[in-house]
Amino acid sequence: MIDPQPPRKNVLLLGATGTIGHATAQALVSAGHALTCLVRPGQSPDIPGATIHAGDVTDPAVLTATFAEGGFDAVVSCLASRTGAPTDAWKIDHQAHMDILKTAGAAGVGQFVLLSAICVQKPDLAFQQAKLAFERALMASSLTWSIVRPTAFFKSLSGQIDRVREGKPFLLFGDGTLTACKAISDRDLATFIAICLTDADKQNAVLPIGGPGPEITPLEQGELLFELLGQPARFRHVPVAMMSAIVGVLSAAGRLSPRLAAKAELARIGRYYATESMLVWDADSGCYDPDATPEFGTDTLRDHYTRVLAGEVTIDLGDHAVF
């Protein structure tokens, strides 16, 4: 007997102008869902098969009008703060999502799929606290929910491609083996998010997810880049203590200047990603567990680097540029 096709759903997608959001929009259309994307005024993403509505997601009146017109079955949110700075994080990662959840519930929406982040396992930063606060609210709601916590994105591991291609050394924090991740592509993550709408095993669940293994360290990322470029590996090591010193100086100065306080938070974010793995955290053993980190998809980091170096893919790091 042939299994019936999953039901087509009327979906509202938030965050469609980001790289993951755009890929998710394409995955939802490909899966046969009726898709509406609420985007910032002035944005016009090219998503064939989707209806585009412009409006400020932080405006409750816009949300009320959007849900009143849509008759949506589900909300998928790839919405996130651009920088992770405290004010931005609590405005977008928490409050905007709280308003969306409240409006969706009042409109009779039955399902909510949230793109979160695996780093909320060890919440030392404002944006992690903001995301966790909304996760708790979503889990306590009456909606069927899925919370997707991906590991590192290919984009986040692409910041040094240009400098290496220019003949500069690959920068490593410590010895380059302090952290590891199972990076996942936009396409594979988008497919996983879309599956959450129809797979009961992925509903009312927190879902850490990575790409094809094995896990890879920054040292191995650099070695891979040099190999693909046909160059001898060259590294420059940056002491983690130097980052901590920078955080300390900016934090002290931030008591007198909101601008420097924001820079201090960005420095803390940088230090966090330089010292914490993007893998499932085992609280009992007090370490990250690559074997417990689920894998999904077929796209590898080697494939991604190869395509970027061949000019087939361009990377816009935007607010995530570090090097």
Protein backbone atom coordinates (compact mmCIF):
# COMPACT_ATOMS: atom_id res chain seq x y z
CA MET A 1 0.00 0.00 0.00
CA ILE A 2 1.33 3.45 -0.95
CA ASP A 3 1.47 5.91 1.94
CA PRO A 4 -0.68 8.99 1.37
CA GLN A 5 1.05 12.30 0.75
CA PRO A 6 1.45 14.51 3.84
CA PRO A 7 -1.30 17.13 4.03
CA ARG A 8 -0.63 20.47 2.37
CA LYS A 9 -0.53 23.23 4.95
CA ASN A 10 -1.02 26.98 4.80
CA VAL A 11 2.22 28.30 6.30
CA LEU A 12 3.41 31.73 7.42
CA LEU A 13 7.21 32.03 7.27
CA LEU A 14 9.11 34.71 9.18
CA GLY A 15 12.73 35.57 8.43
CA ALA A 16 12.58 34.64 4.74
CA THR A 17 15.18 37.25 3.72
CA GLY A 18 17.98 35.55 5.67
CA THR A 19 20.04 32.79 4.11
CA ILE A 20 18.42 30.00 6.14
CA GLY A 21 14.98 31.60 5.82
CA HIS A 22 15.26 31.86 2.03
CA ALA A 23 16.32 28.21 1.79
CA THR A 24 13.44 27.23 4.10
CA ALA A 25 10.97 29.10 1.89
CA GLN A 26 12.15 27.11 -1.12
CA ALA A 27 11.91 23.85 0.83
CA LEU A 28 8.37 24.60 1.98
CA VAL A 29 7.22 25.42 -1.56
CA SER A 30 8.94 22.29 -2.89
CA ALA A 31 7.12 20.24 -0.24
CA GLY A 32 3.80 21.50 -1.62
CA HIS A 33 2.77 23.86 1.15
CA ALA A 34 0.97 27.15 0.51
CA LEU A 35 3.48 29.71 1.67
CA THR A 36 3.22 33.34 2.77
CA CYS A 37 6.35 35.24 3.80
CA LEU A 38 6.15 38.31 6.04
CA VAL A 39 9.23 40.43 5.27
CA ARG A 40 10.54 43.85 6.21
CA PRO A 41 9.21 46.77 4.13
CA GLY A 42 11.49 47.33 1.17
CA GLN A 43 12.52 43.68 0.95
CA SER A 44 11.47 41.61 -2.06
CA PRO A 45 12.91 38.10 -1.89
CA ASP A 46 12.70 36.03 -5.05
CA ILE A 47 10.72 32.99 -3.91
CA PRO A 48 8.65 31.55 -6.78
CA GLY A 49 5.42 30.03 -5.53
CA ALA A 50 5.25 32.13 -2.36
CA THR A 51 3.09 35.13 -1.48
CA ILE A 52 5.12 38.04 -0.12
CA HIS A 53 3.67 40.45 2.43
CA ALA A 54 5.65 43.45 3.69
CA GLY A 55 5.31 44.59 7.28
CA ASP A 56 7.16 45.20 10.55
CA VAL A 57 7.15 41.96 12.52
CA THR A 58 7.62 43.94 15.74
CA ASP A 59 4.31 45.77 15.18
CA PRO A 60 1.44 43.85 16.83
CA ALA A 61 -1.07 45.55 14.50
CA VAL A 62 0.78 44.16 11.47
CA LEU A 63 0.76 40.69 13.01
CA THR A 64 -2.97 40.88 13.78
CA ALA A 65 -3.80 41.92 10.21
CA THR A 66 -1.50 39.27 8.70
CA PHE A 67 -2.99 36.41 10.71
CA ALA A 68 -6.55 37.66 10.19
CA GLU A 69 -6.09 37.52 6.41
CA GLY A 70 -4.04 34.34 6.18
CA GLY A 71 -5.99 31.48 7.74
CA PHE A 72 -2.67 29.80 8.54
CA ASP A 73 -2.24 26.26 9.79
CA ALA A 74 1.35 26.76 10.90
CA VAL A 75 4.04 29.33 11.60
CA VAL A 76 7.69 28.68 10.76
CA SER A 77 10.10 31.22 12.23
CA CYS A 78 13.66 31.66 11.00
CA LEU A 79 13.62 35.13 12.51
CA ALA A 80 16.63 36.12 14.64
CA SER A 81 18.37 39.23 15.90
CA ARG A 82 21.01 40.48 13.48
CA THR A 83 23.85 41.03 15.95
CA GLY A 84 22.95 39.23 19.16
CA ALA A 85 23.40 42.45 21.15
CA PRO A 86 21.16 42.48 24.25
CA THR A 87 18.65 45.12 23.12
CA ASP A 88 18.28 43.56 19.69
CA ALA A 89 18.08 40.05 21.11
CA TRP A 90 15.31 40.76 23.59
CA LYS A 91 13.40 42.77 20.99
CA ILE A 92 13.52 40.11 18.24
CA ASP A 93 14.48 36.73 19.70
CA HIS A 94 12.06 37.15 22.59
CA GLN A 95 9.46 39.92 22.41
CA ALA A 96 8.68 39.74 18.69
CA HIS A 97 8.30 35.99 18.98
CA MET A 98 6.06 36.35 22.04
CA ASP A 99 3.80 38.69 20.05
CA ILE A 100 3.80 36.26 17.11
CA LEU A 101 2.91 33.33 19.39
CA LYS A 102 0.10 35.26 21.08
CA THR A 103 -1.37 36.41 17.77
CA ALA A 104 -1.02 32.97 16.19
CA GLY A 105 -2.80 31.33 19.11
CA ALA A 106 -5.65 33.84 18.99
CA ALA A 107 -6.02 33.21 15.24
CA GLY A 108 -6.37 29.46 15.72
CA VAL A 109 -2.97 28.46 14.31
CA GLY A 110 -2.17 24.95 15.44
CA GLN A 111 1.57 24.54 14.86
CA PHE A 112 4.81 26.47 15.36
CA VAL A 113 8.27 25.48 14.12
CA LEU A 114 11.09 27.57 15.60
CA LEU A 115 14.65 27.81 14.33
CA SER A 116 16.71 28.28 17.49
CA ALA A 117 20.40 27.49 18.09
CA ILE A 118 22.35 24.67 19.73
CA CYS A 119 24.39 27.16 21.78
CA VAL A 120 21.44 27.80 24.09
CA GLN A 121 22.47 24.60 25.89
CA LYS A 122 25.03 26.71 27.79
CA PRO A 123 23.41 30.16 27.98
CA ASP A 124 26.11 32.67 28.88
CA LEU A 125 25.00 35.44 26.50
CA ALA A 126 22.00 37.76 26.22
CA PHE A 127 20.74 36.37 22.92
CA GLN A 128 20.87 32.82 24.30
CA GLN A 129 18.82 33.85 27.33
CA ALA A 130 16.32 35.60 25.05
CA LYS A 131 15.96 32.54 22.83
CA LEU A 132 15.55 30.23 25.81
CA ALA A 133 12.88 32.45 27.35
CA PHE A 134 10.82 32.17 24.19
CA GLU A 135 11.48 28.44 23.86
CA ARG A 136 9.97 27.96 27.31
CA ALA A 137 6.92 30.02 26.35
CA LEU A 138 6.43 28.04 23.16
CA MET A 139 6.68 24.71 24.96
CA ALA A 140 4.10 25.91 27.49
CA SER A 141 1.66 27.00 24.78
CA SER A 142 -1.25 25.02 23.39
CA LEU A 143 0.31 24.80 19.92
CA THR A 144 2.09 21.77 18.50
CA TRP A 145 5.72 22.85 18.46
CA SER A 146 9.14 21.91 17.13
CA ILE A 147 12.32 23.64 18.29
CA VAL A 148 15.18 23.11 15.85
CA ARG A 149 18.65 23.71 17.29
CA PRO A 150 21.21 23.48 14.46
CA THR A 151 24.96 23.28 14.89
CA ALA A 152 27.25 25.59 12.92
CA PHE A 153 26.16 26.85 9.49
CA PHE A 154 28.46 26.69 6.47
CA LYS A 155 28.27 30.49 6.40
CA SER A 156 29.73 30.77 9.89
CA LEU A 157 32.72 28.65 8.83
CA SER A 158 33.44 30.72 5.72
CA GLY A 159 34.88 33.86 7.27
CA GLN A 160 38.52 33.04 6.50
CA ILE A 161 38.20 31.83 2.92
CA ASP A 162 39.21 35.17 1.39
CA ARG A 163 42.18 35.74 3.69
CA VAL A 164 43.53 32.25 3.01
CA ARG A 165 43.02 32.71 -0.72
CA GLU A 166 45.01 35.95 -0.44
CA GLY A 167 47.95 34.04 1.02
CA LYS A 168 47.37 34.95 4.66
CA PRO A 169 47.53 32.41 7.49
CA PHE A 170 44.42 30.79 8.91
CA LEU A 171 43.71 32.18 12.38
CA LEU A 172 43.21 29.71 15.22
CA PHE A 173 42.21 30.31 18.80
CA GLY A 174 44.44 28.28 21.05
CA ASP A 175 45.74 25.20 19.28
CA GLY A 176 42.73 25.00 16.94
CA THR A 177 41.21 21.95 18.63
CA LEU A 178 39.32 23.67 21.44
CA THR A 179 36.02 23.32 19.60
CA ALA A 180 34.31 21.16 17.01
CA CYS A 181 31.03 21.10 15.11
CA LYS A 182 29.01 19.17 12.56
CA ALA A 183 28.27 21.96 10.12
CA ILE A 184 24.98 21.82 8.22
CA SER A 185 24.13 23.47 4.89
CA ASP A 186 21.27 25.89 4.36
CA ARG A 187 19.59 23.40 2.04
CA ASP A 188 19.79 20.43 4.40
CA LEU A 189 18.65 22.48 7.40
CA ALA A 190 15.75 23.92 5.39
CA THR A 191 14.66 20.43 4.38
CA PHE A 192 14.76 19.33 8.02
CA ILE A 193 12.68 22.33 9.11
CA ALA A 194 10.06 21.59 6.45
CA ILE A 195 9.84 17.95 7.54
CA CYS A 196 8.91 19.10 11.06
CA LEU A 197 5.52 20.20 9.73
CA THR A 198 4.45 16.67 8.85
CA ASP A 199 6.62 14.26 10.86
CA ALA A 200 4.96 13.51 14.21
CA ASP A 201 8.27 12.28 15.65
CA LYS A 202 9.66 15.81 15.26
CA GLN A 203 6.75 17.54 16.98
CA ASN A 204 6.62 18.65 20.60
CA ALA A 205 10.35 18.03 20.65
CA VAL A 206 13.64 19.91 20.96
CA LEU A 207 15.72 18.87 17.97
CA PRO A 208 19.49 19.36 17.92
CA ILE A 209 20.69 18.74 14.37
CA GLY A 210 23.96 18.74 12.49
CA GLY A 211 25.10 17.93 9.00
CA PRO A 212 26.97 14.82 7.86
CA GLY A 213 29.78 13.90 10.24
CA PRO A 214 32.31 13.45 11.48
CA GLU A 215 32.79 16.54 13.61
CA ILE A 216 35.45 18.99 12.45
CA THR A 217 37.73 21.32 14.42
CA PRO A 218 38.93 24.77 13.29
CA LEU A 219 42.40 23.27 12.69
CA GLU A 220 40.85 20.72 10.34
CA GLN A 221 38.82 23.45 8.62
CA GLY A 222 42.02 25.33 7.88
CA GLU A 223 43.79 22.22 6.66
CA LEU A 224 40.88 21.52 4.34
CA LEU A 225 40.99 25.01 2.85
CA PHE A 226 44.74 24.85 2.20
CA GLU A 227 44.36 21.39 0.66
CA LEU A 228 41.67 22.59 -1.75
CA LEU A 229 43.81 25.59 -2.69
CA GLY A 230 46.87 23.42 -3.20
CA GLN A 231 48.85 25.48 -0.68
CA PRO A 232 50.95 24.48 2.33
CA ALA A 233 49.06 25.00 5.57
CA ARG A 234 49.92 28.19 7.44
CA PHE A 235 48.39 29.08 10.81
CA ARG A 236 48.52 31.93 13.28
CA HIS A 237 47.52 31.17 16.84
CA VAL A 238 45.56 33.69 18.90
CA PRO A 239 45.60 33.12 22.68
CA VAL A 240 42.13 32.88 24.21
CA ALA A 241 43.49 34.97 27.07
CA MET A 242 43.86 37.86 24.62
CA MET A 243 40.16 37.68 23.82
CA SER A 244 39.33 37.62 27.53
CA ALA A 245 41.49 40.70 28.06
CA ILE A 246 39.65 42.52 25.27
CA VAL A 247 36.31 41.54 26.82
CA GLY A 248 37.47 42.85 30.19
CA VAL A 249 38.61 46.20 28.84
CA LEU A 250 35.44 46.74 26.80
CA SER A 251 33.23 45.66 29.69
CA ALA A 252 34.87 48.18 32.00
CA ALA A 253 34.59 50.93 29.40
CA GLY A 254 31.01 49.88 28.70
CA ARG A 255 29.95 51.10 32.13
CA LEU A 256 30.44 54.60 30.78
CA SER A 257 29.42 54.10 27.15
CA PRO A 258 26.45 52.16 25.74
CA ARG A 259 28.34 51.86 22.43
CA LEU A 260 31.30 50.17 24.13
CA ALA A 261 28.95 48.00 26.19
CA ALA A 262 27.50 46.68 22.92
CA LYS A 263 31.03 46.03 21.63
CA ALA A 264 31.81 44.15 24.82
CA GLU A 265 28.84 41.87 24.25
CA LEU A 266 29.98 41.20 20.67
CA ALA A 267 33.44 40.36 22.02
CA ARG A 268 31.86 37.95 24.51
CA ILE A 269 29.99 36.32 21.63
CA GLY A 270 33.25 35.93 19.73
CA ARG A 271 34.97 34.38 22.74
CA TYR A 272 32.06 32.02 23.27
CA TYR A 273 32.26 30.64 19.74
CA ALA A 274 36.06 30.40 20.03
CA THR A 275 35.82 28.22 23.13
CA GLU A 276 32.53 26.27 22.95
CA SER A 277 31.74 23.44 20.55
CA MET A 278 28.54 23.42 18.53
CA LEU A 279 27.63 19.87 19.51
CA VAL A 280 25.19 18.30 21.98
CA TRP A 281 26.24 19.07 25.54
CA ASP A 282 26.22 16.16 27.98
CA ALA A 283 25.59 17.74 31.37
CA ASP A 284 26.29 14.50 33.23
CA SER A 285 29.79 14.09 31.81
CA GLY A 286 30.41 17.84 31.50
CA CYS A 287 31.54 17.65 27.89
CA TYR A 288 30.29 17.91 24.32
CA ASP A 289 29.28 14.61 22.71
CA PRO A 290 29.69 14.33 18.94
CA ASP A 291 28.14 10.85 18.95
CA ALA A 292 24.96 12.25 20.53
CA THR A 293 24.75 15.03 17.94
CA PRO A 294 22.27 13.93 15.24
CA GLU A 295 23.31 14.12 11.59
CA PHE A 296 21.10 15.01 8.63
CA GLY A 297 21.52 15.67 4.93
CA THR A 298 24.21 15.10 2.35
CA ASP A 299 26.01 18.44 1.85
CA THR A 300 29.53 18.50 3.28
CA LEU A 301 31.80 21.38 4.24
CA ARG A 302 34.29 20.15 1.62
CA ASP A 303 31.56 20.49 -1.04
CA HIS A 304 30.79 24.01 0.19
CA TYR A 305 34.41 25.19 0.23
CA THR A 306 34.95 23.70 -3.24
CA ARG A 307 31.97 25.58 -4.65
CA VAL A 308 32.99 28.87 -3.02
CA LEU A 309 36.57 28.59 -4.30
CA ALA A 310 35.24 27.82 -7.78
CA GLY A 311 33.09 30.96 -7.71
CA GLU A 312 29.84 28.98 -7.80
CA VAL A 313 28.72 30.36 -4.42
CA THR A 314 29.20 33.77 -2.83
CA ILE A 315 29.12 34.38 0.89
CA ASP A 316 27.75 37.56 2.45
CA LEU A 317 28.87 37.43 6.06
CA GLY A 318 27.13 40.70 6.95
CA ASP A 319 26.96 41.22 10.71
CA HIS A 320 28.62 37.84 11.24
CA ALA A 321 31.95 38.83 9.73
CA VAL A 322 34.75 38.30 12.24
CA PHE A 323 38.06 38.23 10.36
